[in-house]
Amino acid sequence: MFTTEANKIFERVIDDYHRFDDVDHASLNPFEKGSFEHLLYEKNWVDTVQWHLEDIIRDPQIDPVKALEIKRRIDRSNQVRTDMVEYIDSYLLDKYKDVVVAEGAKINTETPAWAVDRLSILALKIYHMHQEVIRNDVDDAHREACQKKLDVLLSQRVDLSTAIEELIDDIEQGRKYMKTYKQMKMYNDPALNPVLYGGGK
């Protein structure tokens, strides 16, 4: 199943990252460039690095200049994440381009790749909530509360994985069709962000 493989890749990425736990460490992608597995690995690596940048920037003692630097890095990362989702959708669009769409076929509220984006983030939530469950410097109440949250996240992963599989099956059978829209990120575009094209005035 597609999501079974995706979830395994996401777990591998997160484990690989935490061997170093360094936001500046290069990706350890073992998959062949151009493969779908390579793309999924890179997607989650970007998500994992950004997760930790979001942690770092919330340090109340962080130097304001450093915080601004990280904020701009997060903005760039968000653009990369968006681009990678679009790459995944492009791959799937090409894969299913010859499917005969059934009369009355419907469009989904989100594309498969945006659902995969949520699955990638969910893998990070599960990993880090599990770390809270196994902490030995907190009391039982903390661990029990986190275990309940972890149970919900694990259930959510089952449901989301099932929904993605059903969506892909519907697309393969022509019951639903894909239609993608390039994300119109305005804040990074000097032609669209008034602060940038107005010179900061």
N, C-alpha and C. Protein backbone atom coordinates (compact mmCIF):
# COMPACT_ATOMS: atom_id res chain seq x y z
N MET A 1 0.84 -1.19 0.00
CA MET A 1 0.00 0.00 0.00
C MET A 1 0.88 1.25 0.00
N PHE A 2 0.43 2.25 -0.71
CA PHE A 2 1.19 3.49 -0.85
C PHE A 2 1.50 4.12 0.51
N THR A 3 0.50 4.24 1.37
CA THR A 3 0.72 4.93 2.64
C THR A 3 1.58 4.12 3.59
N THR A 4 1.54 2.79 3.48
CA THR A 4 2.41 1.96 4.31
C THR A 4 3.86 2.29 4.01
N GLU A 5 4.19 2.37 2.72
CA GLU A 5 5.56 2.70 2.31
C GLU A 5 5.91 4.13 2.70
N ALA A 6 4.98 5.07 2.50
CA ALA A 6 5.23 6.47 2.84
C ALA A 6 5.50 6.61 4.34
N ASN A 7 4.70 5.97 5.16
CA ASN A 7 4.89 6.06 6.61
C ASN A 7 6.23 5.48 7.04
N LYS A 8 6.66 4.38 6.40
CA LYS A 8 7.96 3.80 6.70
C LYS A 8 9.09 4.77 6.35
N ILE A 9 8.95 5.42 5.20
CA ILE A 9 9.97 6.39 4.78
C ILE A 9 10.02 7.56 5.75
N PHE A 10 8.86 8.06 6.14
CA PHE A 10 8.82 9.19 7.07
C PHE A 10 9.47 8.82 8.40
N GLU A 11 9.18 7.62 8.90
CA GLU A 11 9.79 7.19 10.16
C GLU A 11 11.31 7.07 10.01
N ARG A 12 11.76 6.59 8.86
CA ARG A 12 13.19 6.48 8.62
C ARG A 12 13.86 7.85 8.60
N VAL A 13 13.22 8.80 7.94
CA VAL A 13 13.76 10.16 7.89
C VAL A 13 13.94 10.73 9.30
N ILE A 14 12.90 10.60 10.10
CA ILE A 14 12.91 11.19 11.44
C ILE A 14 13.99 10.52 12.30
N ASP A 15 14.12 9.22 12.17
CA ASP A 15 15.20 8.52 12.89
C ASP A 15 16.57 8.96 12.39
N ASP A 16 16.70 9.09 11.06
CA ASP A 16 17.97 9.54 10.48
C ASP A 16 18.33 10.93 11.01
N TYR A 17 17.35 11.83 11.01
CA TYR A 17 17.61 13.20 11.46
C TYR A 17 18.09 13.20 12.91
N HIS A 18 17.44 12.41 13.75
CA HIS A 18 17.76 12.45 15.18
C HIS A 18 19.05 11.72 15.55
N ARG A 19 19.69 11.13 14.56
CA ARG A 19 21.05 10.63 14.80
C ARG A 19 22.01 11.79 15.03
N PHE A 20 21.66 12.96 14.49
CA PHE A 20 22.50 14.16 14.59
C PHE A 20 21.77 15.31 15.29
N ASP A 21 20.45 15.37 15.09
CA ASP A 21 19.62 16.43 15.68
C ASP A 21 20.21 17.80 15.41
N ASP A 22 20.45 18.06 14.13
CA ASP A 22 21.13 19.28 13.71
C ASP A 22 20.41 19.83 12.48
N VAL A 23 19.83 21.03 12.61
CA VAL A 23 19.04 21.60 11.52
C VAL A 23 19.90 21.94 10.30
N ASP A 24 21.22 21.94 10.46
CA ASP A 24 22.10 22.25 9.34
C ASP A 24 22.71 21.00 8.70
N HIS A 25 22.33 19.84 9.21
CA HIS A 25 22.89 18.60 8.66
C HIS A 25 22.25 18.31 7.30
N ALA A 26 23.06 17.82 6.39
CA ALA A 26 22.57 17.50 5.04
C ALA A 26 21.64 16.29 5.09
N SER A 27 20.72 16.25 4.17
CA SER A 27 19.82 15.11 4.03
C SER A 27 20.61 13.82 3.83
N LEU A 28 20.10 12.74 4.40
CA LEU A 28 20.75 11.43 4.30
C LEU A 28 20.00 10.52 3.33
N ASN A 29 19.34 11.11 2.37
CA ASN A 29 18.46 10.38 1.46
C ASN A 29 19.19 9.21 0.77
N PRO A 30 18.72 7.97 1.00
CA PRO A 30 19.39 6.81 0.41
C PRO A 30 18.79 6.37 -0.92
N PHE A 31 17.69 7.02 -1.32
CA PHE A 31 16.96 6.56 -2.49
C PHE A 31 17.48 7.21 -3.78
N GLU A 32 17.24 6.53 -4.86
CA GLU A 32 17.72 7.01 -6.16
C GLU A 32 17.04 8.32 -6.54
N LYS A 33 17.84 9.28 -6.98
CA LYS A 33 17.29 10.57 -7.40
C LYS A 33 16.29 10.36 -8.53
N GLY A 34 15.18 11.07 -8.45
CA GLY A 34 14.15 10.95 -9.45
C GLY A 34 13.09 9.94 -9.10
N SER A 35 13.36 9.11 -8.09
CA SER A 35 12.36 8.12 -7.67
C SER A 35 11.33 8.77 -6.75
N PHE A 36 10.17 8.16 -6.68
CA PHE A 36 9.12 8.68 -5.81
C PHE A 36 9.55 8.57 -4.35
N GLU A 37 10.28 7.52 -4.01
CA GLU A 37 10.77 7.34 -2.64
C GLU A 37 11.73 8.46 -2.26
N HIS A 38 12.58 8.85 -3.21
CA HIS A 38 13.51 9.96 -2.97
C HIS A 38 12.74 11.24 -2.67
N LEU A 39 11.68 11.48 -3.41
CA LEU A 39 10.88 12.68 -3.22
C LEU A 39 10.19 12.68 -1.85
N LEU A 40 9.65 11.53 -1.46
CA LEU A 40 8.99 11.44 -0.15
C LEU A 40 10.00 11.65 0.98
N TYR A 41 11.19 11.10 0.83
CA TYR A 41 12.22 11.26 1.85
C TYR A 41 12.59 12.75 1.98
N GLU A 42 12.84 13.40 0.86
CA GLU A 42 13.20 14.82 0.89
C GLU A 42 12.08 15.67 1.49
N LYS A 43 10.85 15.32 1.15
CA LYS A 43 9.70 16.06 1.68
C LYS A 43 9.71 16.03 3.20
N ASN A 44 9.87 14.83 3.76
CA ASN A 44 9.83 14.73 5.22
C ASN A 44 11.08 15.29 5.87
N TRP A 45 12.22 15.23 5.16
CA TRP A 45 13.43 15.84 5.72
C TRP A 45 13.23 17.35 5.89
N VAL A 46 12.67 17.99 4.89
CA VAL A 46 12.38 19.42 4.96
C VAL A 46 11.42 19.70 6.12
N ASP A 47 10.38 18.88 6.25
CA ASP A 47 9.41 19.05 7.33
C ASP A 47 10.08 18.88 8.70
N THR A 48 10.97 17.91 8.80
CA THR A 48 11.63 17.62 10.07
C THR A 48 12.56 18.76 10.49
N VAL A 49 13.33 19.26 9.54
CA VAL A 49 14.20 20.41 9.84
C VAL A 49 13.35 21.61 10.26
N GLN A 50 12.27 21.85 9.53
CA GLN A 50 11.43 23.01 9.87
C GLN A 50 10.79 22.84 11.25
N TRP A 51 10.40 21.63 11.59
CA TRP A 51 9.83 21.36 12.92
C TRP A 51 10.80 21.86 14.00
N HIS A 52 12.07 21.54 13.83
CA HIS A 52 13.05 21.90 14.84
C HIS A 52 13.42 23.38 14.78
N LEU A 53 13.35 23.98 13.61
CA LEU A 53 13.53 25.43 13.54
C LEU A 53 12.40 26.14 14.29
N GLU A 54 11.19 25.60 14.18
CA GLU A 54 10.05 26.19 14.90
C GLU A 54 10.25 26.07 16.41
N ASP A 55 10.88 24.98 16.86
CA ASP A 55 11.20 24.84 18.29
C ASP A 55 12.24 25.88 18.71
N ILE A 56 13.29 25.99 17.91
CA ILE A 56 14.39 26.90 18.26
C ILE A 56 13.92 28.34 18.37
N ILE A 57 13.08 28.76 17.45
CA ILE A 57 12.67 30.18 17.41
C ILE A 57 11.78 30.54 18.60
N ARG A 58 11.24 29.53 19.29
CA ARG A 58 10.39 29.79 20.45
C ARG A 58 11.17 29.86 21.76
N ASP A 59 12.47 29.76 21.68
CA ASP A 59 13.31 29.92 22.87
C ASP A 59 13.15 31.36 23.37
N PRO A 60 12.65 31.55 24.59
CA PRO A 60 12.43 32.93 25.08
C PRO A 60 13.72 33.72 25.22
N GLN A 61 14.86 33.04 25.26
CA GLN A 61 16.14 33.73 25.42
C GLN A 61 16.87 33.94 24.08
N ILE A 62 16.20 33.61 22.97
CA ILE A 62 16.88 33.69 21.67
C ILE A 62 17.23 35.13 21.32
N ASP A 63 18.38 35.30 20.72
CA ASP A 63 18.81 36.63 20.26
C ASP A 63 17.85 37.08 19.14
N PRO A 64 17.33 38.31 19.21
CA PRO A 64 16.37 38.77 18.20
C PRO A 64 16.90 38.70 16.77
N VAL A 65 18.17 38.99 16.58
CA VAL A 65 18.75 38.90 15.24
C VAL A 65 18.73 37.46 14.75
N LYS A 66 19.07 36.53 15.63
CA LYS A 66 19.05 35.11 15.29
C LYS A 66 17.62 34.66 15.00
N ALA A 67 16.67 35.17 15.77
CA ALA A 67 15.26 34.81 15.57
C ALA A 67 14.78 35.25 14.19
N LEU A 68 15.17 36.46 13.79
CA LEU A 68 14.78 36.96 12.48
C LEU A 68 15.40 36.11 11.37
N GLU A 69 16.63 35.73 11.56
CA GLU A 69 17.31 34.87 10.58
C GLU A 69 16.58 33.54 10.43
N ILE A 70 16.17 32.96 11.57
CA ILE A 70 15.46 31.68 11.52
C ILE A 70 14.08 31.85 10.92
N LYS A 71 13.41 32.98 11.24
CA LYS A 71 12.08 33.21 10.68
C LYS A 71 12.15 33.27 9.16
N ARG A 72 13.15 33.92 8.64
CA ARG A 72 13.29 34.00 7.18
C ARG A 72 13.65 32.64 6.60
N ARG A 73 14.41 31.86 7.35
CA ARG A 73 14.72 30.50 6.91
C ARG A 73 13.44 29.65 6.87
N ILE A 74 12.58 29.83 7.86
CA ILE A 74 11.31 29.10 7.89
C ILE A 74 10.44 29.50 6.69
N ASP A 75 10.43 30.78 6.36
CA ASP A 75 9.68 31.24 5.19
C ASP A 75 10.18 30.55 3.92
N ARG A 76 11.49 30.47 3.78
CA ARG A 76 12.06 29.78 2.61
C ARG A 76 11.70 28.29 2.63
N SER A 77 11.73 27.72 3.81
CA SER A 77 11.39 26.30 3.95
C SER A 77 9.94 26.04 3.57
N ASN A 78 9.06 26.95 3.96
CA ASN A 78 7.64 26.80 3.60
C ASN A 78 7.46 26.80 2.08
N GLN A 79 8.24 27.63 1.41
CA GLN A 79 8.15 27.66 -0.06
C GLN A 79 8.64 26.34 -0.64
N VAL A 80 9.72 25.80 -0.08
CA VAL A 80 10.24 24.51 -0.55
C VAL A 80 9.22 23.41 -0.31
N ARG A 81 8.60 23.42 0.87
CA ARG A 81 7.57 22.41 1.18
C ARG A 81 6.43 22.47 0.17
N THR A 82 5.99 23.67 -0.13
CA THR A 82 4.91 23.84 -1.11
C THR A 82 5.33 23.32 -2.47
N ASP A 83 6.54 23.66 -2.89
CA ASP A 83 7.04 23.19 -4.18
C ASP A 83 7.09 21.67 -4.22
N MET A 84 7.50 21.05 -3.12
CA MET A 84 7.62 19.59 -3.11
C MET A 84 6.26 18.91 -3.16
N VAL A 85 5.27 19.51 -2.52
CA VAL A 85 3.90 18.98 -2.63
C VAL A 85 3.46 19.02 -4.09
N GLU A 86 3.78 20.11 -4.76
CA GLU A 86 3.40 20.24 -6.17
C GLU A 86 4.15 19.23 -7.04
N TYR A 87 5.41 18.92 -6.68
CA TYR A 87 6.15 17.88 -7.42
C TYR A 87 5.46 16.53 -7.26
N ILE A 88 5.02 16.24 -6.04
CA ILE A 88 4.34 14.96 -5.79
C ILE A 88 3.05 14.88 -6.60
N ASP A 89 2.29 15.96 -6.59
CA ASP A 89 1.05 15.98 -7.38
C ASP A 89 1.34 15.83 -8.87
N SER A 90 2.41 16.47 -9.35
CA SER A 90 2.78 16.35 -10.76
C SER A 90 3.11 14.91 -11.11
N TYR A 91 3.82 14.24 -10.21
CA TYR A 91 4.15 12.82 -10.41
C TYR A 91 2.87 12.00 -10.54
N LEU A 92 1.92 12.24 -9.64
CA LEU A 92 0.68 11.46 -9.65
C LEU A 92 -0.20 11.82 -10.86
N LEU A 93 -0.20 13.10 -11.22
CA LEU A 93 -0.95 13.50 -12.41
C LEU A 93 -0.45 12.77 -13.65
N ASP A 94 0.86 12.68 -13.76
CA ASP A 94 1.45 11.98 -14.90
C ASP A 94 1.14 10.49 -14.83
N LYS A 95 1.20 9.93 -13.63
CA LYS A 95 0.96 8.50 -13.46
C LYS A 95 -0.46 8.11 -13.88
N TYR A 96 -1.42 8.97 -13.60
CA TYR A 96 -2.82 8.65 -13.87
C TYR A 96 -3.39 9.41 -15.07
N LYS A 97 -2.51 9.93 -15.91
CA LYS A 97 -2.97 10.76 -17.03
C LYS A 97 -3.83 9.99 -18.03
N ASP A 98 -3.66 8.66 -18.12
CA ASP A 98 -4.42 7.87 -19.09
C ASP A 98 -5.68 7.25 -18.52
N VAL A 99 -5.98 7.53 -17.25
CA VAL A 99 -7.20 6.99 -16.66
C VAL A 99 -8.42 7.64 -17.30
N VAL A 100 -9.39 6.83 -17.67
CA VAL A 100 -10.64 7.35 -18.23
C VAL A 100 -11.53 7.79 -17.08
N VAL A 101 -11.81 9.06 -17.03
CA VAL A 101 -12.63 9.60 -15.94
C VAL A 101 -14.09 9.26 -16.18
N ALA A 102 -14.72 8.68 -15.20
CA ALA A 102 -16.11 8.26 -15.32
C ALA A 102 -17.04 9.46 -15.37
N GLU A 103 -18.18 9.28 -16.02
CA GLU A 103 -19.19 10.33 -16.03
C GLU A 103 -19.67 10.57 -14.61
N GLY A 104 -19.72 11.81 -14.23
CA GLY A 104 -20.15 12.14 -12.87
C GLY A 104 -19.03 12.06 -11.85
N ALA A 105 -17.79 11.85 -12.30
CA ALA A 105 -16.65 11.79 -11.38
C ALA A 105 -16.54 13.11 -10.62
N LYS A 106 -16.08 13.01 -9.38
CA LYS A 106 -16.03 14.19 -8.52
C LYS A 106 -14.58 14.55 -8.21
N ILE A 107 -14.40 15.78 -7.82
CA ILE A 107 -13.09 16.26 -7.41
C ILE A 107 -13.01 16.21 -5.90
N ASN A 108 -11.84 15.95 -5.37
CA ASN A 108 -11.66 15.87 -3.92
C ASN A 108 -11.37 17.24 -3.34
N THR A 109 -11.60 17.39 -2.04
CA THR A 109 -11.35 18.68 -1.39
C THR A 109 -9.88 19.05 -1.38
N GLU A 110 -8.99 18.04 -1.41
CA GLU A 110 -7.56 18.29 -1.50
C GLU A 110 -6.94 17.23 -2.40
N THR A 111 -5.78 17.54 -2.93
CA THR A 111 -5.08 16.58 -3.79
C THR A 111 -4.41 15.52 -2.92
N PRO A 112 -4.03 14.38 -3.51
CA PRO A 112 -3.32 13.36 -2.73
C PRO A 112 -2.06 13.91 -2.06
N ALA A 113 -1.33 14.77 -2.76
CA ALA A 113 -0.07 15.26 -2.20
C ALA A 113 -0.28 16.12 -0.96
N TRP A 114 -1.35 16.91 -0.94
CA TRP A 114 -1.60 17.71 0.26
C TRP A 114 -2.02 16.83 1.43
N ALA A 115 -2.67 15.71 1.14
CA ALA A 115 -2.98 14.75 2.20
C ALA A 115 -1.69 14.09 2.68
N VAL A 116 -0.77 13.80 1.77
CA VAL A 116 0.53 13.23 2.13
C VAL A 116 1.32 14.23 2.97
N ASP A 117 1.19 15.51 2.67
CA ASP A 117 1.82 16.55 3.48
C ASP A 117 1.35 16.45 4.93
N ARG A 118 0.07 16.25 5.13
CA ARG A 118 -0.45 16.11 6.49
C ARG A 118 0.05 14.82 7.14
N LEU A 119 0.20 13.77 6.34
CA LEU A 119 0.71 12.50 6.86
C LEU A 119 2.16 12.65 7.31
N SER A 120 2.93 13.44 6.58
CA SER A 120 4.33 13.70 6.92
C SER A 120 4.42 14.44 8.26
N ILE A 121 3.61 15.46 8.44
CA ILE A 121 3.62 16.22 9.69
C ILE A 121 3.13 15.34 10.84
N LEU A 122 2.16 14.48 10.55
CA LEU A 122 1.63 13.59 11.58
C LEU A 122 2.72 12.64 12.09
N ALA A 123 3.59 12.19 11.19
CA ALA A 123 4.70 11.33 11.60
C ALA A 123 5.59 12.04 12.62
N LEU A 124 5.80 13.33 12.41
CA LEU A 124 6.61 14.11 13.35
C LEU A 124 5.90 14.27 14.70
N LYS A 125 4.61 14.51 14.66
CA LYS A 125 3.84 14.63 15.91
C LYS A 125 3.92 13.33 16.71
N ILE A 126 3.79 12.21 16.01
CA ILE A 126 3.82 10.90 16.67
C ILE A 126 5.19 10.67 17.31
N TYR A 127 6.24 10.95 16.56
CA TYR A 127 7.60 10.74 17.10
C TYR A 127 7.81 11.57 18.36
N HIS A 128 7.49 12.84 18.29
CA HIS A 128 7.79 13.73 19.41
C HIS A 128 6.85 13.51 20.60
N MET A 129 5.62 13.10 20.35
CA MET A 129 4.74 12.78 21.47
C MET A 129 5.23 11.51 22.15
N HIS A 130 5.74 10.56 21.37
CA HIS A 130 6.30 9.34 21.97
C HIS A 130 7.50 9.68 22.84
N GLN A 131 8.31 10.65 22.42
CA GLN A 131 9.44 11.07 23.24
C GLN A 131 8.98 11.61 24.59
N GLU A 132 7.83 12.27 24.59
CA GLU A 132 7.28 12.78 25.85
C GLU A 132 6.82 11.63 26.74
N VAL A 133 6.28 10.60 26.13
CA VAL A 133 5.78 9.44 26.88
C VAL A 133 6.92 8.72 27.59
N ILE A 134 8.09 8.68 26.97
CA ILE A 134 9.20 7.90 27.54
C ILE A 134 10.19 8.77 28.34
N ARG A 135 9.87 10.03 28.53
CA ARG A 135 10.74 10.88 29.34
C ARG A 135 10.82 10.36 30.77
N ASN A 136 12.01 10.45 31.36
CA ASN A 136 12.16 10.00 32.76
C ASN A 136 12.35 11.17 33.73
N ASP A 137 12.20 12.40 33.21
CA ASP A 137 12.37 13.57 34.08
C ASP A 137 11.04 14.28 34.34
N VAL A 138 9.94 13.55 34.09
CA VAL A 138 8.60 14.10 34.32
C VAL A 138 7.80 13.11 35.16
N ASP A 139 6.67 13.58 35.68
CA ASP A 139 5.87 12.68 36.53
C ASP A 139 4.93 11.81 35.70
N ASP A 140 4.29 10.88 36.37
CA ASP A 140 3.39 9.94 35.70
C ASP A 140 2.22 10.64 35.02
N ALA A 141 1.74 11.71 35.64
CA ALA A 141 0.60 12.43 35.07
C ALA A 141 0.95 12.98 33.69
N HIS A 142 2.17 13.50 33.54
CA HIS A 142 2.61 14.02 32.24
C HIS A 142 2.67 12.90 31.22
N ARG A 143 3.29 11.78 31.60
CA ARG A 143 3.42 10.67 30.67
C ARG A 143 2.06 10.10 30.27
N GLU A 144 1.15 10.00 31.23
CA GLU A 144 -0.18 9.45 30.94
C GLU A 144 -0.96 10.39 30.01
N ALA A 145 -0.84 11.68 30.25
CA ALA A 145 -1.53 12.65 29.39
C ALA A 145 -0.99 12.57 27.97
N CYS A 146 0.32 12.43 27.85
CA CYS A 146 0.93 12.34 26.52
C CYS A 146 0.61 11.02 25.84
N GLN A 147 0.47 9.95 26.61
CA GLN A 147 0.10 8.66 26.02
C GLN A 147 -1.29 8.75 25.40
N LYS A 148 -2.20 9.43 26.08
CA LYS A 148 -3.56 9.60 25.54
C LYS A 148 -3.50 10.39 24.22
N LYS A 149 -2.67 11.41 24.19
CA LYS A 149 -2.53 12.20 22.96
C LYS A 149 -1.89 11.35 21.86
N LEU A 150 -0.91 10.54 22.24
CA LEU A 150 -0.25 9.67 21.27
C LEU A 150 -1.24 8.68 20.68
N ASP A 151 -2.11 8.13 21.52
CA ASP A 151 -3.12 7.18 21.03
C ASP A 151 -4.02 7.83 19.98
N VAL A 152 -4.38 9.08 20.23
CA VAL A 152 -5.21 9.81 19.26
C VAL A 152 -4.45 10.01 17.95
N LEU A 153 -3.19 10.40 18.05
CA LEU A 153 -2.38 10.63 16.85
C LEU A 153 -2.21 9.34 16.03
N LEU A 154 -2.01 8.23 16.71
CA LEU A 154 -1.86 6.95 16.01
C LEU A 154 -3.16 6.57 15.31
N SER A 155 -4.28 6.82 15.98
CA SER A 155 -5.58 6.56 15.37
C SER A 155 -5.80 7.47 14.16
N GLN A 156 -5.37 8.72 14.30
CA GLN A 156 -5.50 9.68 13.20
C GLN A 156 -4.68 9.23 12.00
N ARG A 157 -3.49 8.66 12.25
CA ARG A 157 -2.67 8.18 11.14
C ARG A 157 -3.35 7.04 10.39
N VAL A 158 -3.98 6.15 11.13
CA VAL A 158 -4.72 5.04 10.48
C VAL A 158 -5.83 5.61 9.60
N ASP A 159 -6.59 6.56 10.15
CA ASP A 159 -7.72 7.13 9.40
C ASP A 159 -7.24 7.90 8.18
N LEU A 160 -6.20 8.71 8.35
CA LEU A 160 -5.70 9.50 7.23
C LEU A 160 -5.10 8.59 6.16
N SER A 161 -4.37 7.57 6.57
CA SER A 161 -3.79 6.63 5.61
C SER A 161 -4.90 5.93 4.82
N THR A 162 -5.95 5.53 5.51
CA THR A 162 -7.08 4.88 4.84
C THR A 162 -7.74 5.82 3.84
N ALA A 163 -7.92 7.07 4.24
CA ALA A 163 -8.55 8.05 3.35
C ALA A 163 -7.70 8.30 2.11
N ILE A 164 -6.38 8.35 2.28
CA ILE A 164 -5.48 8.55 1.13
C ILE A 164 -5.56 7.36 0.19
N GLU A 165 -5.54 6.15 0.75
CA GLU A 165 -5.64 4.94 -0.08
C GLU A 165 -6.95 4.93 -0.87
N GLU A 166 -8.03 5.33 -0.22
CA GLU A 166 -9.34 5.36 -0.89
C GLU A 166 -9.35 6.41 -2.00
N LEU A 167 -8.73 7.56 -1.73
CA LEU A 167 -8.67 8.61 -2.74
C LEU A 167 -7.87 8.15 -3.96
N ILE A 168 -6.72 7.53 -3.71
CA ILE A 168 -5.90 7.05 -4.83
C ILE A 168 -6.65 5.99 -5.62
N ASP A 169 -7.34 5.09 -4.93
CA ASP A 169 -8.13 4.07 -5.62
C ASP A 169 -9.23 4.71 -6.46
N ASP A 170 -9.88 5.73 -5.91
CA ASP A 170 -10.93 6.43 -6.66
C ASP A 170 -10.35 7.08 -7.92
N ILE A 171 -9.16 7.64 -7.81
CA ILE A 171 -8.51 8.27 -8.97
C ILE A 171 -8.13 7.21 -10.00
N GLU A 172 -7.59 6.11 -9.53
CA GLU A 172 -7.20 5.02 -10.44
C GLU A 172 -8.40 4.46 -11.20
N GLN A 173 -9.54 4.43 -10.54
CA GLN A 173 -10.75 3.86 -11.14
C GLN A 173 -11.59 4.90 -11.88
N GLY A 174 -11.15 6.16 -11.84
CA GLY A 174 -11.86 7.21 -12.56
C GLY A 174 -13.07 7.75 -11.84
N ARG A 175 -13.25 7.35 -10.58
CA ARG A 175 -14.40 7.86 -9.81
C ARG A 175 -14.16 9.28 -9.32
N LYS A 176 -12.90 9.65 -9.19
CA LYS A 176 -12.53 11.02 -8.85
C LYS A 176 -11.40 11.43 -9.80
N TYR A 177 -11.21 12.72 -9.95
CA TYR A 177 -10.14 13.20 -10.81
C TYR A 177 -9.32 14.25 -10.08
N MET A 178 -8.07 14.37 -10.51
CA MET A 178 -7.17 15.34 -9.90
C MET A 178 -7.20 16.65 -10.66
N LYS A 179 -7.17 17.71 -9.92
CA LYS A 179 -7.03 19.03 -10.49
C LYS A 179 -6.18 19.82 -9.53
N THR A 180 -5.06 20.34 -10.01
CA THR A 180 -4.14 21.02 -9.11
C THR A 180 -4.11 22.51 -9.41
N TYR A 181 -3.83 23.26 -8.37
CA TYR A 181 -3.66 24.70 -8.48
C TYR A 181 -2.31 25.06 -7.88
N LYS A 182 -1.50 25.75 -8.63
CA LYS A 182 -0.22 26.18 -8.08
C LYS A 182 -0.49 27.14 -6.93
N GLN A 183 0.17 26.89 -5.81
CA GLN A 183 -0.04 27.73 -4.64
C GLN A 183 0.49 29.14 -4.89
N MET A 184 -0.34 30.10 -4.58
CA MET A 184 0.01 31.50 -4.84
C MET A 184 0.62 32.12 -3.58
N LYS A 185 1.84 31.69 -3.26
CA LYS A 185 2.53 32.24 -2.10
C LYS A 185 2.96 33.67 -2.41
N MET A 186 2.38 34.62 -1.69
CA MET A 186 2.64 36.02 -2.00
C MET A 186 3.76 36.63 -1.16
N TYR A 187 3.96 36.10 0.07
CA TYR A 187 4.88 36.79 0.97
C TYR A 187 6.33 36.70 0.53
N ASN A 188 6.68 35.68 -0.27
CA ASN A 188 8.06 35.54 -0.73
C ASN A 188 8.32 36.22 -2.08
N ASP A 189 7.27 36.71 -2.69
CA ASP A 189 7.39 37.24 -4.05
C ASP A 189 7.54 38.76 -4.02
N PRO A 190 8.70 39.29 -4.45
CA PRO A 190 8.92 40.74 -4.40
C PRO A 190 7.95 41.53 -5.28
N ALA A 191 7.27 40.84 -6.21
CA ALA A 191 6.30 41.53 -7.05
C ALA A 191 4.92 41.56 -6.42
N LEU A 192 4.69 40.78 -5.34
CA LEU A 192 3.35 40.66 -4.77
C LEU A 192 3.26 41.10 -3.30
N ASN A 193 4.38 41.11 -2.61
CA ASN A 193 4.38 41.53 -1.21
C ASN A 193 4.62 43.05 -1.15
N PRO A 194 3.64 43.82 -0.68
CA PRO A 194 3.79 45.29 -0.70
C PRO A 194 4.97 45.80 0.12
N VAL A 195 5.37 45.06 1.16
CA VAL A 195 6.54 45.48 1.93
C VAL A 195 7.79 45.37 1.08
N LEU A 196 7.84 44.34 0.22
CA LEU A 196 9.01 44.15 -0.62
C LEU A 196 9.02 45.10 -1.82
N TYR A 197 7.89 45.19 -2.53
CA TYR A 197 7.92 46.06 -3.70
C TYR A 197 7.79 47.54 -3.32
N GLY A 198 7.41 47.80 -2.06
CA GLY A 198 7.33 49.19 -1.63
C GLY A 198 8.58 49.66 -0.92
N GLY A 199 9.57 48.78 -0.90
CA GLY A 199 10.83 49.17 -0.28
C GLY A 199 10.77 49.25 1.24
N GLY A 200 9.77 48.51 1.82
CA GLY A 200 9.65 48.49 3.28
C GLY A 200 8.91 49.66 3.86
N LYS A 201 8.32 50.50 3.01
CA LYS A 201 7.61 51.70 3.51
C LYS A 201 6.16 51.34 3.82
